[in-house]
Amino acid sequence: YVDAVVNHMCGNGVSAGTSSTCGSYFNPGTRD
């Protein structure tokens, strides 16, 4: 049984970049 986190993405205070477990780019400030 998987713990499914689908209500939200990361916090709005996290810096943009590729600091993620698979190296994907993201930008919380622009919701990208």
PDB file of all heavy atoms in Angstrom:
ATOM      1  N   TYR A   1       0.864  -1.186   0.000  1.00  0.00           N
ATOM      2  CA  TYR A   1       0.000   0.000   0.000  1.00  0.00           C
ATOM      3  C   TYR A   1       0.898   1.233   0.000  1.00  0.00           C
ATOM      4  O   TYR A   1       1.762   1.380   0.870  1.00  0.00           O
ATOM      5  CB  TYR A   1      -0.909   0.018   1.231  1.00  0.00           C
ATOM      6  CG  TYR A   1      -1.693  -1.264   1.419  1.00  0.00           C
ATOM      7  CD1 TYR A   1      -1.236  -2.248   2.292  1.00  0.00           C
ATOM      8  CD2 TYR A   1      -2.864  -1.499   0.705  1.00  0.00           C
ATOM      9  CE1 TYR A   1      -1.935  -3.438   2.460  1.00  0.00           C
ATOM     10  CE2 TYR A   1      -3.580  -2.680   0.871  1.00  0.00           C
ATOM     11  CZ  TYR A   1      -3.112  -3.647   1.747  1.00  0.00           C
ATOM     12  OH  TYR A   1      -3.798  -4.828   1.916  1.00  0.00           O
ATOM     13  N   VAL A   2       0.682   2.107  -0.974  1.00  0.00           N
ATOM     14  CA  VAL A   2       1.549   3.267  -1.151  1.00  0.00           C
ATOM     15  C   VAL A   2       0.997   4.477  -0.406  1.00  0.00           C
ATOM     16  O   VAL A   2      -0.204   4.767  -0.464  1.00  0.00           O
ATOM     17  CB  VAL A   2       1.694   3.597  -2.655  1.00  0.00           C
ATOM     18  CG1 VAL A   2       2.231   5.007  -2.866  1.00  0.00           C
ATOM     19  CG2 VAL A   2       2.616   2.581  -3.320  1.00  0.00           C
ATOM     20  N   ASP A   3       1.877   5.178   0.285  1.00  0.00           N
ATOM     21  CA  ASP A   3       1.546   6.473   0.887  1.00  0.00           C
ATOM     22  C   ASP A   3       1.566   7.495  -0.250  1.00  0.00           C
ATOM     23  O   ASP A   3       2.631   7.872  -0.745  1.00  0.00           O
ATOM     24  CB  ASP A   3       2.583   6.814   1.964  1.00  0.00           C
ATOM     25  CG  ASP A   3       2.131   7.932   2.888  1.00  0.00           C
ATOM     26  OD1 ASP A   3       1.138   8.610   2.562  1.00  0.00           O
ATOM     27  OD2 ASP A   3       2.788   8.137   3.934  1.00  0.00           O
ATOM     28  N   ALA A   4       0.381   7.927  -0.682  1.00  0.00           N
ATOM     29  CA  ALA A   4       0.247   8.774  -1.870  1.00  0.00           C
ATOM     30  C   ALA A   4       0.096  10.241  -1.464  1.00  0.00           C
ATOM     31  O   ALA A   4      -0.872  10.620  -0.810  1.00  0.00           O
ATOM     32  CB  ALA A   4      -0.959   8.336  -2.686  1.00  0.00           C
ATOM     33  N   VAL A   5       1.098  11.062  -1.845  1.00  0.00           N
ATOM     34  CA  VAL A   5       1.089  12.494  -1.540  1.00  0.00           C
ATOM     35  C   VAL A   5       0.644  13.231  -2.806  1.00  0.00           C
ATOM     36  O   VAL A   5       1.452  13.469  -3.704  1.00  0.00           O
ATOM     37  CB  VAL A   5       2.475  12.972  -1.071  1.00  0.00           C
ATOM     38  CG1 VAL A   5       2.419  14.433  -0.635  1.00  0.00           C
ATOM     39  CG2 VAL A   5       2.977  12.099   0.070  1.00  0.00           C
ATOM     40  N   VAL A   6      -0.643  13.578  -2.862  1.00  0.00           N
ATOM     41  CA  VAL A   6      -1.202  14.163  -4.086  1.00  0.00           C
ATOM     42  C   VAL A   6      -1.943  15.471  -3.832  1.00  0.00           C
ATOM     43  O   VAL A   6      -2.402  16.107  -4.781  1.00  0.00           O
ATOM     44  CB  VAL A   6      -2.135  13.150  -4.794  1.00  0.00           C
ATOM     45  CG1 VAL A   6      -1.350  11.927  -5.246  1.00  0.00           C
ATOM     46  CG2 VAL A   6      -3.296  12.738  -3.895  1.00  0.00           C
ATOM     47  N   ASN A   7      -2.053  15.891  -2.575  1.00  0.00           N
ATOM     48  CA  ASN A   7      -2.722  17.154  -2.264  1.00  0.00           C
ATOM     49  C   ASN A   7      -1.900  18.361  -2.699  1.00  0.00           C
ATOM     50  O   ASN A   7      -2.448  19.419  -3.005  1.00  0.00           O
ATOM     51  CB  ASN A   7      -2.982  17.236  -0.749  1.00  0.00           C
ATOM     52  CG  ASN A   7      -3.418  18.616  -0.296  1.00  0.00           C
ATOM     53  OD1 ASN A   7      -4.509  19.072  -0.607  1.00  0.00           O
ATOM     54  ND2 ASN A   7      -2.548  19.309   0.445  1.00  0.00           N
ATOM     55  N   HIS A   8      -0.574  18.206  -2.747  1.00  0.00           N
ATOM     56  CA  HIS A   8       0.314  19.358  -2.909  1.00  0.00           C
ATOM     57  C   HIS A   8       1.622  18.938  -3.560  1.00  0.00           C
ATOM     58  O   HIS A   8       1.900  17.749  -3.741  1.00  0.00           O
ATOM     59  CB  HIS A   8       0.598  19.988  -1.540  1.00  0.00           C
ATOM     60  CG  HIS A   8       1.132  18.997  -0.545  1.00  0.00           C
ATOM     61  ND1 HIS A   8       0.331  18.373   0.391  1.00  0.00           N
ATOM     62  CD2 HIS A   8       2.389  18.486  -0.355  1.00  0.00           C
ATOM     63  CE1 HIS A   8       1.063  17.536   1.111  1.00  0.00           C
ATOM     64  NE2 HIS A   8       2.319  17.581   0.671  1.00  0.00           N
ATOM     65  N   MET A   9       2.430  19.939  -3.882  1.00  0.00           N
ATOM     66  CA  MET A   9       3.819  19.703  -4.286  1.00  0.00           C
ATOM     67  C   MET A   9       4.699  20.213  -3.141  1.00  0.00           C
ATOM     68  O   MET A   9       4.257  20.242  -2.001  1.00  0.00           O
ATOM     69  CB  MET A   9       4.106  20.395  -5.618  1.00  0.00           C
ATOM     70  CG  MET A   9       3.240  19.873  -6.765  1.00  0.00           C
ATOM     71  SD  MET A   9       3.384  18.093  -7.069  1.00  0.00           S
ATOM     72  CE  MET A   9       4.931  18.046  -7.986  1.00  0.00           C
ATOM     73  N   CYS A  10       5.928  20.628  -3.407  1.00  0.00           N
ATOM     74  CA  CYS A  10       6.838  21.032  -2.331  1.00  0.00           C
ATOM     75  C   CYS A  10       6.433  22.387  -1.747  1.00  0.00           C
ATOM     76  O   CYS A  10       5.489  23.032  -2.210  1.00  0.00           O
ATOM     77  CB  CYS A  10       8.271  21.078  -2.841  1.00  0.00           C
ATOM     78  SG  CYS A  10       8.589  22.415  -4.004  1.00  0.00           S
ATOM     79  N   GLY A  11       7.153  22.823  -0.722  1.00  0.00           N
ATOM     80  CA  GLY A  11       6.847  24.084  -0.066  1.00  0.00           C
ATOM     81  C   GLY A  11       7.229  25.285  -0.910  1.00  0.00           C
ATOM     82  O   GLY A  11       8.174  25.237  -1.710  1.00  0.00           O
ATOM     83  N   ASN A  12       6.500  26.400  -0.706  1.00  0.00           N
ATOM     84  CA  ASN A  12       6.763  27.608  -1.506  1.00  0.00           C
ATOM     85  C   ASN A  12       8.082  28.270  -1.129  1.00  0.00           C
ATOM     86  O   ASN A  12       8.574  29.127  -1.866  1.00  0.00           O
ATOM     87  CB  ASN A  12       5.609  28.604  -1.364  1.00  0.00           C
ATOM     88  CG  ASN A  12       5.433  29.103   0.062  1.00  0.00           C
ATOM     89  OD1 ASN A  12       5.747  28.384   1.009  1.00  0.00           O
ATOM     90  ND2 ASN A  12       4.918  30.302   0.234  1.00  0.00           N
ATOM     91  N   GLY A  13       8.699  27.859  -0.016  1.00  0.00           N
ATOM     92  CA  GLY A  13       9.959  28.461   0.401  1.00  0.00           C
ATOM     93  C   GLY A  13      11.192  27.741  -0.099  1.00  0.00           C
ATOM     94  O   GLY A  13      12.318  28.177   0.151  1.00  0.00           O
ATOM     95  N   VAL A  14      11.002  26.636  -0.830  1.00  0.00           N
ATOM     96  CA  VAL A  14      12.138  25.870  -1.336  1.00  0.00           C
ATOM     97  C   VAL A  14      12.732  26.586  -2.546  1.00  0.00           C
ATOM     98  O   VAL A  14      12.014  27.109  -3.395  1.00  0.00           O
ATOM     99  CB  VAL A  14      11.691  24.439  -1.718  1.00  0.00           C
ATOM    100  CG1 VAL A  14      12.858  23.650  -2.284  1.00  0.00           C
ATOM    101  CG2 VAL A  14      11.112  23.721  -0.507  1.00  0.00           C
ATOM    102  N   SER A  15      14.050  26.613  -2.635  1.00  0.00           N
ATOM    103  CA  SER A  15      14.726  27.288  -3.746  1.00  0.00           C
ATOM    104  C   SER A  15      14.575  26.497  -5.038  1.00  0.00           C
ATOM    105  O   SER A  15      14.577  25.261  -5.037  1.00  0.00           O
ATOM    106  CB  SER A  15      16.215  27.466  -3.441  1.00  0.00           C
ATOM    107  OG  SER A  15      16.392  28.253  -2.272  1.00  0.00           O
ATOM    108  N   ALA A  16      14.463  27.210  -6.144  1.00  0.00           N
ATOM    109  CA  ALA A  16      14.391  26.571  -7.463  1.00  0.00           C
ATOM    110  C   ALA A  16      15.706  25.855  -7.761  1.00  0.00           C
ATOM    111  O   ALA A  16      16.764  26.211  -7.243  1.00  0.00           O
ATOM    112  CB  ALA A  16      14.100  27.614  -8.531  1.00  0.00           C
ATOM    113  N   GLY A  17      15.625  24.819  -8.602  1.00  0.00           N
ATOM    114  CA  GLY A  17      16.836  24.108  -9.000  1.00  0.00           C
ATOM    115  C   GLY A  17      16.574  22.650  -9.267  1.00  0.00           C
ATOM    116  O   GLY A  17      15.460  22.261  -9.641  1.00  0.00           O
ATOM    117  N   THR A  18      17.581  21.841  -9.038  1.00  0.00           N
ATOM    118  CA  THR A  18      17.473  20.398  -9.290  1.00  0.00           C
ATOM    119  C   THR A  18      17.801  19.594  -8.040  1.00  0.00           C
ATOM    120  O   THR A  18      18.231  18.434  -8.120  1.00  0.00           O
ATOM    121  CB  THR A  18      18.425  19.985 -10.433  1.00  0.00           C
ATOM    122  OG1 THR A  18      19.765  20.377 -10.079  1.00  0.00           O
ATOM    123  CG2 THR A  18      18.027  20.630 -11.749  1.00  0.00           C
ATOM    124  N   SER A  19      17.619  20.213  -6.867  1.00  0.00           N
ATOM    125  CA  SER A  19      17.904  19.509  -5.616  1.00  0.00           C
ATOM    126  C   SER A  19      16.719  18.604  -5.276  1.00  0.00           C
ATOM    127  O   SER A  19      15.895  18.901  -4.404  1.00  0.00           O
ATOM    128  CB  SER A  19      18.160  20.509  -4.481  1.00  0.00           C
ATOM    129  OG  SER A  19      18.580  19.830  -3.316  1.00  0.00           O
ATOM    130  N   SER A  20      16.632  17.513  -6.026  1.00  0.00           N
ATOM    131  CA  SER A  20      15.540  16.557  -5.859  1.00  0.00           C
ATOM    132  C   SER A  20      16.107  15.152  -6.027  1.00  0.00           C
ATOM    133  O   SER A  20      17.214  14.973  -6.531  1.00  0.00           O
ATOM    134  CB  SER A  20      14.442  16.817  -6.898  1.00  0.00           C
ATOM    135  OG  SER A  20      14.979  16.830  -8.204  1.00  0.00           O
ATOM    136  N   THR A  21      15.357  14.157  -5.609  1.00  0.00           N
ATOM    137  CA  THR A  21      15.892  12.792  -5.534  1.00  0.00           C
ATOM    138  C   THR A  21      16.148  12.176  -6.902  1.00  0.00           C
ATOM    139  O   THR A  21      16.831  11.160  -6.997  1.00  0.00           O
ATOM    140  CB  THR A  21      14.942  11.890  -4.727  1.00  0.00           C
ATOM    141  OG1 THR A  21      13.606  12.040  -5.215  1.00  0.00           O
ATOM    142  CG2 THR A  21      14.980  12.236  -3.247  1.00  0.00           C
ATOM    143  N   CYS A  22      15.608  12.786  -7.965  1.00  0.00           N
ATOM    144  CA  CYS A  22      15.879  12.271  -9.309  1.00  0.00           C
ATOM    145  C   CYS A  22      16.560  13.320 -10.180  1.00  0.00           C
ATOM    146  O   CYS A  22      16.793  13.092 -11.367  1.00  0.00           O
ATOM    147  CB  CYS A  22      14.575  11.813  -9.957  1.00  0.00           C
ATOM    148  SG  CYS A  22      14.724  10.292 -10.887  1.00  0.00           S
ATOM    149  N   GLY A  23      16.834  14.503  -9.583  1.00  0.00           N
ATOM    150  CA  GLY A  23      17.524  15.553 -10.314  1.00  0.00           C
ATOM    151  C   GLY A  23      16.651  16.370 -11.246  1.00  0.00           C
ATOM    152  O   GLY A  23      17.163  17.131 -12.081  1.00  0.00           O
ATOM    153  N   SER A  24      15.321  16.255 -11.113  1.00  0.00           N
ATOM    154  CA  SER A  24      14.424  17.035 -11.965  1.00  0.00           C
ATOM    155  C   SER A  24      14.442  18.503 -11.561  1.00  0.00           C
ATOM    156  O   SER A  24      14.476  18.832 -10.368  1.00  0.00           O
ATOM    157  CB  SER A  24      12.990  16.501 -11.867  1.00  0.00           C
ATOM    158  OG  SER A  24      12.916  15.175 -12.351  1.00  0.00           O
ATOM    159  N   TYR A  25      14.355  19.390 -12.562  1.00  0.00           N
ATOM    160  CA  TYR A  25      14.279  20.826 -12.293  1.00  0.00           C
ATOM    161  C   TYR A  25      12.883  21.181 -11.777  1.00  0.00           C
ATOM    162  O   TYR A  25      11.872  20.591 -12.192  1.00  0.00           O
ATOM    163  CB  TYR A  25      14.566  21.628 -13.566  1.00  0.00           C
ATOM    164  CG  TYR A  25      14.343  23.118 -13.376  1.00  0.00           C
ATOM    165  CD1 TYR A  25      15.307  23.906 -12.762  1.00  0.00           C
ATOM    166  CD2 TYR A  25      13.151  23.712 -13.779  1.00  0.00           C
ATOM    167  CE1 TYR A  25      15.097  25.266 -12.547  1.00  0.00           C
ATOM    168  CE2 TYR A  25      12.928  25.072 -13.577  1.00  0.00           C
ATOM    169  CZ  TYR A  25      13.905  25.845 -12.961  1.00  0.00           C
ATOM    170  OH  TYR A  25      13.682  27.178 -12.752  1.00  0.00           O
ATOM    171  N   PHE A  26      12.825  22.171 -10.871  1.00  0.00           N
ATOM    172  CA  PHE A  26      11.538  22.692 -10.391  1.00  0.00           C
ATOM    173  C   PHE A  26      11.747  24.117  -9.916  1.00  0.00           C
ATOM    174  O   PHE A  26      12.853  24.507  -9.523  1.00  0.00           O
ATOM    175  CB  PHE A  26      10.979  21.821  -9.258  1.00  0.00           C
ATOM    176  CG  PHE A  26      11.855  21.778  -8.027  1.00  0.00           C
ATOM    177  CD1 PHE A  26      11.583  22.588  -6.920  1.00  0.00           C
ATOM    178  CD2 PHE A  26      12.963  20.932  -7.962  1.00  0.00           C
ATOM    179  CE1 PHE A  26      12.386  22.556  -5.789  1.00  0.00           C
ATOM    180  CE2 PHE A  26      13.777  20.901  -6.830  1.00  0.00           C
ATOM    181  CZ  PHE A  26      13.489  21.712  -5.746  1.00  0.00           C
ATOM    182  N   ASN A  27      10.664  24.897  -9.936  1.00  0.00           N
ATOM    183  CA  ASN A  27      10.700  26.279  -9.471  1.00  0.00           C
ATOM    184  C   ASN A  27       9.403  26.584  -8.733  1.00  0.00           C
ATOM    185  O   ASN A  27       8.391  26.922  -9.349  1.00  0.00           O
ATOM    186  CB  ASN A  27      10.883  27.246 -10.641  1.00  0.00           C
ATOM    187  CG  ASN A  27      11.120  28.677 -10.168  1.00  0.00           C
ATOM    188  OD1 ASN A  27      10.760  29.046  -9.050  1.00  0.00           O
ATOM    189  ND2 ASN A  27      11.727  29.501 -11.024  1.00  0.00           N
ATOM    190  N   PRO A  28       9.419  26.448  -7.393  1.00  0.00           N
ATOM    191  CA  PRO A  28       8.193  26.699  -6.625  1.00  0.00           C
ATOM    192  C   PRO A  28       7.682  28.129  -6.798  1.00  0.00           C
ATOM    193  O   PRO A  28       6.469  28.356  -6.784  1.00  0.00           O
ATOM    194  CB  PRO A  28       8.624  26.437  -5.179  1.00  0.00           C
ATOM    195  CG  PRO A  28       9.855  25.623  -5.270  1.00  0.00           C
ATOM    196  CD  PRO A  28      10.540  26.043  -6.526  1.00  0.00           C
ATOM    197  N   GLY A  29       8.599  29.099  -6.959  1.00  0.00           N
ATOM    198  CA  GLY A  29       8.188  30.503  -7.078  1.00  0.00           C
ATOM    199  C   GLY A  29       7.294  30.751  -8.272  1.00  0.00           C
ATOM    200  O   GLY A  29       6.344  31.549  -8.194  1.00  0.00           O
ATOM    201  N   THR A  30       7.573  30.073  -9.384  1.00  0.00           N
ATOM    202  CA  THR A  30       6.756  30.229 -10.595  1.00  0.00           C
ATOM    203  C   THR A  30       5.788  29.064 -10.779  1.00  0.00           C
ATOM    204  O   THR A  30       5.114  28.979 -11.811  1.00  0.00           O
ATOM    205  CB  THR A  30       7.659  30.337 -11.840  1.00  0.00           C
ATOM    206  OG1 THR A  30       8.458  29.137 -11.933  1.00  0.00           O
ATOM    207  CG2 THR A  30       8.565  31.547 -11.747  1.00  0.00           C
ATOM    208  N   ARG A  31       5.721  28.183  -9.772  1.00  0.00           N
ATOM    209  CA  ARG A  31       4.833  27.017  -9.813  1.00  0.00           C
ATOM    210  C   ARG A  31       5.153  26.130 -11.022  1.00  0.00           C
ATOM    211  O   ARG A  31       4.258  25.573 -11.642  1.00  0.00           O
ATOM    212  CB  ARG A  31       3.342  27.423  -9.853  1.00  0.00           C
ATOM    213  CG  ARG A  31       2.912  28.457  -8.804  1.00  0.00           C
ATOM    214  CD  ARG A  31       3.148  27.963  -7.386  1.00  0.00           C
ATOM    215  NE  ARG A  31       2.521  28.811  -6.381  1.00  0.00           N
ATOM    216  CZ  ARG A  31       3.191  29.604  -5.544  1.00  0.00           C
ATOM    217  NH1 ARG A  31       4.521  29.696  -5.618  1.00  0.00           N
ATOM    218  NH2 ARG A  31       2.542  30.314  -4.636  1.00  0.00           N
ATOM    219  N   ASP A  32       6.418  25.976 -11.319  1.00  0.00           N
ATOM    220  CA  ASP A  32       6.849  25.250 -12.497  1.00  0.00           C
ATOM    221  C   ASP A  32       7.442  23.899 -12.095  1.00  0.00           C
ATOM    222  O   ASP A  32       8.487  23.842 -11.446  1.00  0.00           O
ATOM    223  CB  ASP A  32       7.890  26.084 -13.260  1.00  0.00           C
ATOM    224  CG  ASP A  32       8.265  25.464 -14.598  1.00  0.00           C
ATOM    225  OD1 ASP A  32       7.449  24.685 -15.135  1.00  0.00           O
ATOM    226  OD2 ASP A  32       9.370  25.754 -15.099  1.00  0.00           O
TER     227      ASP A  32
END
